């Protein structure tokens, strides 16, 4: 089974030792696209040859690299606090 065919199935889980990453097909595509060309080629060749252990190892390494290098989500900024109470902001109207 080709790894590209996993995309058509909606992604899945990438086991990472004691835990696993749940990935969507879009994340899987980004992980594969971020792989260096030689590693991506080796992963696909290993899959075609039935060497799933090698293919899974390469995909796990690529996922770990992808998730450690992806930018963090922006922090959610709430309304400011003053004296322990939330300050309400009012809309400014022109005119």
PDB file of N, CA and C in Angstrom:
ATOM      1  N   UNK A   1       0.834  -1.170   0.000  1.00  0.00           N
ATOM      2  CA  UNK A   1       0.000   0.000   0.000  1.00  0.00           C
ATOM      3  C   UNK A   1       0.882   1.237   0.000  1.00  0.00           C
ATOM      4  N   UNK A   2       0.618   2.190  -0.897  1.00  0.00           N
ATOM      5  CA  UNK A   2       1.402   3.414  -0.973  1.00  0.00           C
ATOM      6  C   UNK A   2       0.967   4.375   0.129  1.00  0.00           C
ATOM      7  N   UNK A   3       1.931   5.140   0.650  1.00  0.00           N
ATOM      8  CA  UNK A   3       1.596   6.077   1.716  1.00  0.00           C
ATOM      9  C   UNK A   3       0.659   7.163   1.222  1.00  0.00           C
ATOM     10  N   UNK A   4       0.737   7.504  -0.049  1.00  0.00           N
ATOM     11  CA  UNK A   4      -0.188   8.497  -0.601  1.00  0.00           C
ATOM     12  C   UNK A   4      -1.632   8.017  -0.479  1.00  0.00           C
ATOM     13  N   UNK A   5      -1.838   6.710  -0.522  1.00  0.00           N
ATOM     14  CA  UNK A   5      -3.200   6.203  -0.411  1.00  0.00           C
ATOM     15  C   UNK A   5      -3.773   6.442   0.983  1.00  0.00           C
ATOM     16  N   UNK A   6      -2.922   6.648   1.992  1.00  0.00           N
ATOM     17  CA  UNK A   6      -3.424   6.973   3.331  1.00  0.00           C
ATOM     18  C   UNK A   6      -4.162   8.303   3.321  1.00  0.00           C
ATOM     19  N   UNK A   7      -3.740   9.211   2.435  1.00  0.00           N
ATOM     20  CA  UNK A   7      -4.401  10.505   2.361  1.00  0.00           C
ATOM     21  C   UNK A   7      -5.865  10.337   1.965  1.00  0.00           C
ATOM     22  N   UNK A   8      -6.148   9.437   1.070  1.00  0.00           N
ATOM     23  CA  UNK A   8      -7.514   9.213   0.636  1.00  0.00           C
ATOM     24  C   UNK A   8      -8.379   8.608   1.723  1.00  0.00           C
ATOM     25  N   UNK A   9      -7.755   8.038   2.735  1.00  0.00           N
ATOM     26  CA  UNK A   9      -8.494   7.425   3.832  1.00  0.00           C
ATOM     27  C   UNK A   9      -8.676   8.384   5.000  1.00  0.00           C
ATOM     28  N   UNK A  10      -8.290   9.624   4.832  1.00  0.00           N
ATOM     29  CA  UNK A  10      -8.537  10.612   5.885  1.00  0.00           C
ATOM     30  C   UNK A  10      -7.451  10.728   6.928  1.00  0.00           C
ATOM     31  N   UNK A  11      -6.230  10.302   6.660  1.00  0.00           N
ATOM     32  CA  UNK A  11      -5.158  10.414   7.634  1.00  0.00           C
ATOM     33  C   UNK A  11      -5.108   9.197   8.527  1.00  0.00           C
ATOM     34  N   UNK A  12      -4.826   9.396   9.789  1.00  0.00           N
ATOM     35  CA  UNK A  12      -4.749   8.272  10.713  1.00  0.00           C
ATOM     36  C   UNK A  12      -3.876   8.611  11.895  1.00  0.00           C
ATOM     37  N   UNK A  13      -3.216   7.612  12.433  1.00  0.00           N
ATOM     38  CA  UNK A  13      -2.341   7.795  13.594  1.00  0.00           C
ATOM     39  C   UNK A  13      -0.925   7.398  13.231  1.00  0.00           C
ATOM     40  N   UNK A  14       0.021   8.181  13.724  1.00  0.00           N
ATOM     41  CA  UNK A  14       1.435   7.863  13.568  1.00  0.00           C
ATOM     42  C   UNK A  14       1.953   7.521  14.957  1.00  0.00           C
ATOM     43  N   UNK A  15       2.228   6.230  15.242  1.00  0.00           N
ATOM     44  CA  UNK A  15       2.703   5.851  16.571  1.00  0.00           C
ATOM     45  C   UNK A  15       4.091   6.421  16.847  1.00  0.00           C
ATOM     46  N   UNK A  16       4.255   6.968  18.054  1.00  0.00           N
ATOM     47  CA  UNK A  16       5.521   7.589  18.449  1.00  0.00           C
ATOM     48  C   UNK A  16       5.957   7.056  19.808  1.00  0.00           C
ATOM     49  N   UNK A  17       6.096   5.753  19.920  1.00  0.00           N
ATOM     50  CA  UNK A  17       6.491   5.167  21.201  1.00  0.00           C
ATOM     51  C   UNK A  17       5.295   5.039  22.121  1.00  0.00           C
ATOM     52  N   UNK A  18       5.284   5.809  23.208  1.00  0.00           N
ATOM     53  CA  UNK A  18       4.221   5.712  24.208  1.00  0.00           C
ATOM     54  C   UNK A  18       2.956   6.477  23.813  1.00  0.00           C
ATOM     55  N   UNK A  19       3.001   7.255  22.741  1.00  0.00           N
ATOM     56  CA  UNK A  19       1.833   8.008  22.302  1.00  0.00           C
ATOM     57  C   UNK A  19       1.782   7.985  20.782  1.00  0.00           C
ATOM     58  N   UNK A  20       0.774   8.607  20.216  1.00  0.00           N
ATOM     59  CA  UNK A  20       0.690   8.672  18.763  1.00  0.00           C
ATOM     60  C   UNK A  20       0.112  10.017  18.352  1.00  0.00           C
ATOM     61  N   UNK A  21       0.500  10.460  17.166  1.00  0.00           N
ATOM     62  CA  UNK A  21      -0.056  11.675  16.585  1.00  0.00           C
ATOM     63  C   UNK A  21      -1.273  11.291  15.765  1.00  0.00           C
ATOM     64  N   UNK A  22      -2.408  11.941  15.996  1.00  0.00           N
ATOM     65  CA  UNK A  22      -3.556  11.803  15.117  1.00  0.00           C
ATOM     66  C   UNK A  22      -3.372  12.847  14.026  1.00  0.00           C
ATOM     67  N   UNK A  23      -3.304  12.409  12.786  1.00  0.00           N
ATOM     68  CA  UNK A  23      -3.068  13.341  11.686  1.00  0.00           C
ATOM     69  C   UNK A  23      -4.222  13.292  10.698  1.00  0.00           C
ATOM     70  N   UNK A  24      -4.546  14.451  10.170  1.00  0.00           N
ATOM     71  CA  UNK A  24      -5.524  14.529   9.093  1.00  0.00           C
ATOM     72  C   UNK A  24      -4.787  14.250   7.786  1.00  0.00           C
ATOM     73  N   UNK A  25      -5.523  14.059   6.728  1.00  0.00           N
ATOM     74  CA  UNK A  25      -4.854  13.818   5.447  1.00  0.00           C
ATOM     75  C   UNK A  25      -4.076  15.053   5.006  1.00  0.00           C
ATOM     76  N   UNK A  26      -4.538  16.250   5.407  1.00  0.00           N
ATOM     77  CA  UNK A  26      -3.817  17.471   5.057  1.00  0.00           C
ATOM     78  C   UNK A  26      -2.494  17.564   5.815  1.00  0.00           C
ATOM     79  N   UNK A  27      -2.516  17.196   7.095  1.00  0.00           N
ATOM     80  CA  UNK A  27      -1.273  17.186   7.871  1.00  0.00           C
ATOM     81  C   UNK A  27      -0.307  16.139   7.325  1.00  0.00           C
ATOM     82  N   UNK A  28      -0.833  14.981   6.961  1.00  0.00           N
ATOM     83  CA  UNK A  28       0.002  13.933   6.381  1.00  0.00           C
ATOM     84  C   UNK A  28       0.668  14.433   5.106  1.00  0.00           C
ATOM     85  N   UNK A  29      -0.089  15.129   4.281  1.00  0.00           N
ATOM     86  CA  UNK A  29       0.484  15.681   3.042  1.00  0.00           C
ATOM     87  C   UNK A  29       1.573  16.696   3.359  1.00  0.00           C
ATOM     88  N   UNK A  30       1.353  17.546   4.382  1.00  0.00           N
ATOM     89  CA  UNK A  30       2.374  18.538   4.751  1.00  0.00           C
ATOM     90  C   UNK A  30       3.621  17.869   5.322  1.00  0.00           C
ATOM     91  N   UNK A  31       3.436  16.804   6.113  1.00  0.00           N
ATOM     92  CA  UNK A  31       4.577  16.070   6.673  1.00  0.00           C
ATOM     93  C   UNK A  31       5.399  15.467   5.547  1.00  0.00           C
ATOM     94  N   UNK A  32       4.729  14.832   4.596  1.00  0.00           N
ATOM     95  CA  UNK A  32       5.434  14.207   3.467  1.00  0.00           C
ATOM     96  C   UNK A  32       6.104  15.269   2.603  1.00  0.00           C
ATOM     97  N   UNK A  33       5.412  16.382   2.358  1.00  0.00           N
ATOM     98  CA  UNK A  33       5.999  17.460   1.550  1.00  0.00           C
ATOM     99  C   UNK A  33       7.218  18.081   2.217  1.00  0.00           C
ATOM    100  N   UNK A  34       7.250  18.077   3.553  1.00  0.00           N
ATOM    101  CA  UNK A  34       8.372  18.676   4.283  1.00  0.00           C
ATOM    102  C   UNK A  34       9.589  17.748   4.360  1.00  0.00           C
ATOM    103  N   UNK A  35       9.398  16.480   3.989  1.00  0.00           N
ATOM    104  CA  UNK A  35      10.516  15.531   4.055  1.00  0.00           C
ATOM    105  C   UNK A  35      11.559  15.863   2.999  1.00  0.00           C
ATOM    106  N   UNK A  36      12.840  15.687   3.319  1.00  0.00           N
ATOM    107  CA  UNK A  36      13.869  15.807   2.285  1.00  0.00           C
ATOM    108  C   UNK A  36      13.592  14.780   1.172  1.00  0.00           C
ATOM    109  N   UNK A  37      13.928  15.140  -0.039  1.00  0.00           N
ATOM    110  CA  UNK A  37      13.610  14.314  -1.207  1.00  0.00           C
ATOM    111  C   UNK A  37      14.102  12.881  -1.065  1.00  0.00           C
ATOM    112  N   UNK A  38      15.328  12.687  -0.624  1.00  0.00           N
ATOM    113  CA  UNK A  38      15.884  11.338  -0.514  1.00  0.00           C
ATOM    114  C   UNK A  38      15.141  10.500   0.523  1.00  0.00           C
ATOM    115  N   UNK A  39      14.767  11.111   1.646  1.00  0.00           N
ATOM    116  CA  UNK A  39      14.031  10.369   2.671  1.00  0.00           C
ATOM    117  C   UNK A  39      12.629  10.019   2.180  1.00  0.00           C
ATOM    118  N   UNK A  40      12.002  10.945   1.470  1.00  0.00           N
ATOM    119  CA  UNK A  40      10.666  10.690   0.928  1.00  0.00           C
ATOM    120  C   UNK A  40      10.720   9.546  -0.083  1.00  0.00           C
ATOM    121  N   UNK A  41      11.714   9.591  -0.939  1.00  0.00           N
ATOM    122  CA  UNK A  41      11.888   8.523  -1.934  1.00  0.00           C
ATOM    123  C   UNK A  41      12.140   7.181  -1.252  1.00  0.00           C
ATOM    124  N   UNK A  42      12.988   7.185  -0.224  1.00  0.00           N
ATOM    125  CA  UNK A  42      13.296   5.945   0.501  1.00  0.00           C
ATOM    126  C   UNK A  42      12.051   5.395   1.191  1.00  0.00           C
ATOM    127  N   UNK A  43      11.217   6.282   1.724  1.00  0.00           N
ATOM    128  CA  UNK A  43       9.992   5.846   2.385  1.00  0.00           C
ATOM    129  C   UNK A  43       9.044   5.189   1.381  1.00  0.00           C
ATOM    130  N   UNK A  44       8.866   5.807   0.231  1.00  0.00           N
ATOM    131  CA  UNK A  44       7.975   5.239  -0.781  1.00  0.00           C
ATOM    132  C   UNK A  44       8.519   3.923  -1.340  1.00  0.00           C
ATOM    133  N   UNK A  45       9.830   3.848  -1.558  1.00  0.00           N
ATOM    134  CA  UNK A  45      10.422   2.596  -2.043  1.00  0.00           C
ATOM    135  C   UNK A  45      10.274   1.481  -1.015  1.00  0.00           C
ATOM    136  N   UNK A  46      10.495   1.813   0.254  1.00  0.00           N
ATOM    137  CA  UNK A  46      10.349   0.810   1.311  1.00  0.00           C
ATOM    138  C   UNK A  46       8.909   0.292   1.358  1.00  0.00           C
ATOM    139  N   UNK A  47       7.952   1.189   1.180  1.00  0.00           N
ATOM    140  CA  UNK A  47       6.545   0.784   1.191  1.00  0.00           C
ATOM    141  C   UNK A  47       6.242  -0.143   0.024  1.00  0.00           C
ATOM    142  N   UNK A  48       6.714   0.217  -1.155  1.00  0.00           N
ATOM    143  CA  UNK A  48       6.471  -0.613  -2.340  1.00  0.00           C
ATOM    144  C   UNK A  48       7.112  -1.991  -2.210  1.00  0.00           C
ATOM    145  N   UNK A  49       8.258  -2.053  -1.511  1.00  0.00           N
ATOM    146  CA  UNK A  49       8.970  -3.318  -1.348  1.00  0.00           C
ATOM    147  C   UNK A  49       8.452  -4.116  -0.149  1.00  0.00           C
ATOM    148  N   UNK A  50       7.484  -3.564   0.573  1.00  0.00           N
ATOM    149  CA  UNK A  50       6.928  -4.271   1.723  1.00  0.00           C
ATOM    150  C   UNK A  50       7.710  -4.110   3.007  1.00  0.00           C
ATOM    151  N   UNK A  51       8.701  -3.227   3.011  1.00  0.00           N
ATOM    152  CA  UNK A  51       9.500  -2.977   4.209  1.00  0.00           C
ATOM    153  C   UNK A  51       8.804  -1.895   5.037  1.00  0.00           C
ATOM    154  N   UNK A  52       7.697  -2.273   5.665  1.00  0.00           N
ATOM    155  CA  UNK A  52       6.891  -1.296   6.387  1.00  0.00           C
ATOM    156  C   UNK A  52       7.591  -0.746   7.623  1.00  0.00           C
ATOM    157  N   UNK A  53       8.471  -1.534   8.223  1.00  0.00           N
ATOM    158  CA  UNK A  53       9.193  -1.049   9.404  1.00  0.00           C
ATOM    159  C   UNK A  53      10.039   0.170   9.043  1.00  0.00           C
ATOM    160  N   UNK A  54      10.724   0.107   7.911  1.00  0.00           N
ATOM    161  CA  UNK A  54      11.551   1.239   7.468  1.00  0.00           C
ATOM    162  C   UNK A  54      10.671   2.423   7.094  1.00  0.00           C
ATOM    163  N   UNK A  55       9.590   2.166   6.361  1.00  0.00           N
ATOM    164  CA  UNK A  55       8.687   3.245   5.951  1.00  0.00           C
ATOM    165  C   UNK A  55       8.077   3.939   7.168  1.00  0.00           C
ATOM    166  N   UNK A  56       7.666   3.152   8.154  1.00  0.00           N
ATOM    167  CA  UNK A  56       7.084   3.739   9.358  1.00  0.00           C
ATOM    168  C   UNK A  56       8.111   4.533  10.149  1.00  0.00           C
ATOM    169  N   UNK A  57       9.335   4.023  10.213  1.00  0.00           N
ATOM    170  CA  UNK A  57      10.400   4.753  10.927  1.00  0.00           C
ATOM    171  C   UNK A  57      10.652   6.100  10.267  1.00  0.00           C
ATOM    172  N   UNK A  58      10.740   6.108   8.935  1.00  0.00           N
ATOM    173  CA  UNK A  58      10.983   7.359   8.218  1.00  0.00           C
ATOM    174  C   UNK A  58       9.823   8.334   8.404  1.00  0.00           C
ATOM    175  N   UNK A  59       8.600   7.825   8.390  1.00  0.00           N
ATOM    176  CA  UNK A  59       7.440   8.683   8.593  1.00  0.00           C
ATOM    177  C   UNK A  59       7.401   9.220  10.024  1.00  0.00           C
ATOM    178  N   UNK A  60       7.739   8.373  11.008  1.00  0.00           N
ATOM    179  CA  UNK A  60       7.789   8.845  12.406  1.00  0.00           C
ATOM    180  C   UNK A  60       8.824   9.953  12.565  1.00  0.00           C
ATOM    181  N   UNK A  61       9.998   9.762  11.980  1.00  0.00           N
ATOM    182  CA  UNK A  61      11.047  10.779  12.070  1.00  0.00           C
ATOM    183  C   UNK A  61      10.595  12.073  11.406  1.00  0.00           C
ATOM    184  N   UNK A  62       9.932  11.961  10.259  1.00  0.00           N
ATOM    185  CA  UNK A  62       9.452  13.150   9.554  1.00  0.00           C
ATOM    186  C   UNK A  62       8.373  13.866  10.361  1.00  0.00           C
ATOM    187  N   UNK A  63       7.480  13.086  10.995  1.00  0.00           N
ATOM    188  CA  UNK A  63       6.429  13.692  11.813  1.00  0.00           C
ATOM    189  C   UNK A  63       7.027  14.408  13.020  1.00  0.00           C
ATOM    190  N   UNK A  64       8.010  13.787  13.660  1.00  0.00           N
ATOM    191  CA  UNK A  64       8.652  14.423  14.817  1.00  0.00           C
ATOM    192  C   UNK A  64       9.327  15.720  14.399  1.00  0.00           C
ATOM    193  N   UNK A  65      10.010  15.708  13.272  1.00  0.00           N
ATOM    194  CA  UNK A  65      10.661  16.927  12.769  1.00  0.00           C
ATOM    195  C   UNK A  65       9.618  17.980  12.437  1.00  0.00           C
ATOM    196  N   UNK A  66       8.541  17.570  11.780  1.00  0.00           N
ATOM    197  CA  UNK A  66       7.487  18.506  11.385  1.00  0.00           C
ATOM    198  C   UNK A  66       6.862  19.168  12.610  1.00  0.00           C
ATOM    199  N   UNK A  67       6.496  18.369  13.609  1.00  0.00           N
ATOM    200  CA  UNK A  67       5.812  18.930  14.776  1.00  0.00           C
ATOM    201  C   UNK A  67       6.734  19.737  15.679  1.00  0.00           C
ATOM    202  N   UNK A  68       8.024  19.440  15.695  1.00  0.00           N
ATOM    203  CA  UNK A  68       8.927  20.246  16.519  1.00  0.00           C
ATOM    204  C   UNK A  68       9.347  21.523  15.816  1.00  0.00           C
ATOM    205  N   UNK A  69       9.216  21.572  14.488  1.00  0.00           N
ATOM    206  CA  UNK A  69       9.608  22.782  13.771  1.00  0.00           C
ATOM    207  C   UNK A  69       8.421  23.644  13.370  1.00  0.00           C
ATOM    208  N   UNK A  70       7.199  23.141  13.508  1.00  0.00           N
ATOM    209  CA  UNK A  70       6.013  23.921  13.157  1.00  0.00           C
ATOM    210  C   UNK A  70       5.834  25.036  14.183  1.00  0.00           C
ATOM    211  N   UNK A  71       5.422  26.212  13.725  1.00  0.00           N
ATOM    212  CA  UNK A  71       5.223  27.310  14.687  1.00  0.00           C
ATOM    213  C   UNK A  71       4.067  26.999  15.623  1.00  0.00           C
ATOM    214  N   UNK A  72       4.200  27.476  16.841  1.00  0.00           N
ATOM    215  CA  UNK A  72       3.148  27.257  17.839  1.00  0.00           C
ATOM    216  C   UNK A  72       1.940  28.120  17.495  1.00  0.00           C
ATOM    217  N   UNK A  73       0.806  27.703  17.951  1.00  0.00           N
ATOM    218  CA  UNK A  73      -0.406  28.491  17.741  1.00  0.00           C
ATOM    219  C   UNK A  73      -0.292  29.795  18.523  1.00  0.00           C
ATOM    220  N   UNK A  74      -0.853  30.875  17.993  1.00  0.00           N
ATOM    221  CA  UNK A  74      -0.756  32.147  18.712  1.00  0.00           C
ATOM    222  C   UNK A  74      -1.524  32.083  20.032  1.00  0.00           C
ATOM    223  N   UNK A  75      -1.022  32.791  20.994  1.00  0.00           N
ATOM    224  CA  UNK A  75      -1.677  32.829  22.305  1.00  0.00           C
ATOM    225  C   UNK A  75      -2.998  33.578  22.183  1.00  0.00           C
ATOM    226  N   UNK A  76      -3.977  33.146  22.932  1.00  0.00           N
ATOM    227  CA  UNK A  76      -5.265  33.823  22.933  1.00  0.00           C
ATOM    228  C   UNK A  76      -5.176  34.982  23.904  1.00  0.00           C
ATOM    229  N   UNK A  77      -5.499  36.144  23.402  1.00  0.00           N
ATOM    230  CA  UNK A  77      -5.419  37.337  24.244  1.00  0.00           C
ATOM    231  C   UNK A  77      -6.831  37.723  24.648  1.00  0.00           C
ATOM    232  N   UNK A  78      -7.075  37.714  25.935  1.00  0.00           N
ATOM    233  CA  UNK A  78      -8.388  38.090  26.454  1.00  0.00           C
ATOM    234  C   UNK A  78      -8.410  39.562  26.797  1.00  0.00           C
ATOM    235  N   UNK A  79      -9.507  39.983  27.341  1.00  0.00           N
ATOM    236  CA  UNK A  79      -9.628  41.375  27.768  1.00  0.00           C
ATOM    237  C   UNK A  79      -8.681  41.622  28.938  1.00  0.00           C
ATOM    238  N   UNK A  80      -8.130  42.826  29.027  1.00  0.00           N
ATOM    239  CA  UNK A  80      -7.202  43.122  30.128  1.00  0.00           C
ATOM    240  C   UNK A  80      -7.910  43.154  31.476  1.00  0.00           C
ATOM    241  N   UNK A  81      -7.151  42.892  32.525  1.00  0.00           N
ATOM    242  CA  UNK A  81      -7.685  42.911  33.878  1.00  0.00           C
ATOM    243  C   UNK A  81      -7.163  44.160  34.594  1.00  0.00           C
ATOM    244  N   UNK A  82      -8.009  44.738  35.430  1.00  0.00           N
ATOM    245  CA  UNK A  82      -7.583  45.857  36.256  1.00  0.00           C
ATOM    246  C   UNK A  82      -8.137  45.610  37.650  1.00  0.00           C
ATOM    247  N   UNK A  83      -7.306  45.627  38.630  1.00  0.00           N
ATOM    248  CA  UNK A  83      -7.710  45.392  40.021  1.00  0.00           C
ATOM    249  C   UNK A  83      -8.444  44.068  40.178  1.00  0.00           C
ATOM    250  N   UNK A  84      -8.008  43.056  39.429  1.00  0.00           N
ATOM    251  CA  UNK A  84      -8.604  41.738  39.550  1.00  0.00           C
ATOM    252  C   UNK A  84      -9.919  41.585  38.813  1.00  0.00           C
ATOM    253  N   UNK A  85     -10.400  42.648  38.170  1.00  0.00           N
ATOM    254  CA  UNK A  85     -11.657  42.567  37.430  1.00  0.00           C
ATOM    255  C   UNK A  85     -11.386  42.794  35.943  1.00  0.00           C
ATOM    256  N   UNK A  86     -12.193  42.159  35.142  1.00  0.00           N
ATOM    257  CA  UNK A  86     -12.047  42.302  33.696  1.00  0.00           C
ATOM    258  C   UNK A  86     -12.554  43.685  33.279  1.00  0.00           C
ATOM    259  N   UNK A  87     -11.788  44.374  32.444  1.00  0.00           N
ATOM    260  CA  UNK A  87     -12.165  45.684  31.948  1.00  0.00           C
ATOM    261  C   UNK A  87     -12.982  45.492  30.681  1.00  0.00           C
ATOM    262  N   UNK A  88     -14.149  46.105  30.634  1.00  0.00           N
ATOM    263  CA  UNK A  88     -14.982  46.019  29.431  1.00  0.00           C
ATOM    264  C   UNK A  88     -14.524  47.064  28.430  1.00  0.00           C
ATOM    265  N   UNK A  89     -14.481  46.643  27.185  1.00  0.00           N
ATOM    266  CA  UNK A  89     -14.141  47.577  26.121  1.00  0.00           C
ATOM    267  C   UNK A  89     -15.413  47.940  25.388  1.00  0.00           C
ATOM    268  N   UNK A  90     -15.558  49.205  25.101  1.00  0.00           N
ATOM    269  CA  UNK A  90     -16.738  49.636  24.365  1.00  0.00           C
ATOM    270  C   UNK A  90     -16.323  50.033  22.959  1.00  0.00           C
ATOM    271  N   UNK A  91     -17.224  49.857  22.038  1.00  0.00           N
ATOM    272  CA  UNK A  91     -16.943  50.206  20.645  1.00  0.00           C
ATOM    273  C   UNK A  91     -16.973  51.729  20.501  1.00  0.00           C
ATOM    274  N   UNK A  92     -16.050  52.259  19.757  1.00  0.00           N
ATOM    275  CA  UNK A  92     -16.013  53.704  19.484  1.00  0.00           C
ATOM    276  C   UNK A  92     -16.845  53.966  18.242  1.00  0.00           C
ATOM    277  N   UNK A  93     -17.645  54.990  18.325  1.00  0.00           N
ATOM    278  CA  UNK A  93     -18.478  55.333  17.173  1.00  0.00           C
ATOM    279  C   UNK A  93     -18.006  56.667  16.621  1.00  0.00           C
ATOM    280  N   UNK A  94     -17.920  56.730  15.323  1.00  0.00           N
ATOM    281  CA  UNK A  94     -17.561  57.999  14.670  1.00  0.00           C
ATOM    282  C   UNK A  94     -18.829  58.792  14.405  1.00  0.00           C
ATOM    283  N   UNK A  95     -18.896  59.964  14.960  1.00  0.00           N
ATOM    284  CA  UNK A  95     -20.020  60.824  14.634  1.00  0.00           C
ATOM    285  C   UNK A  95     -20.908  60.969  15.737  1.00  0.00           C
TER     286      UNK A  95
END
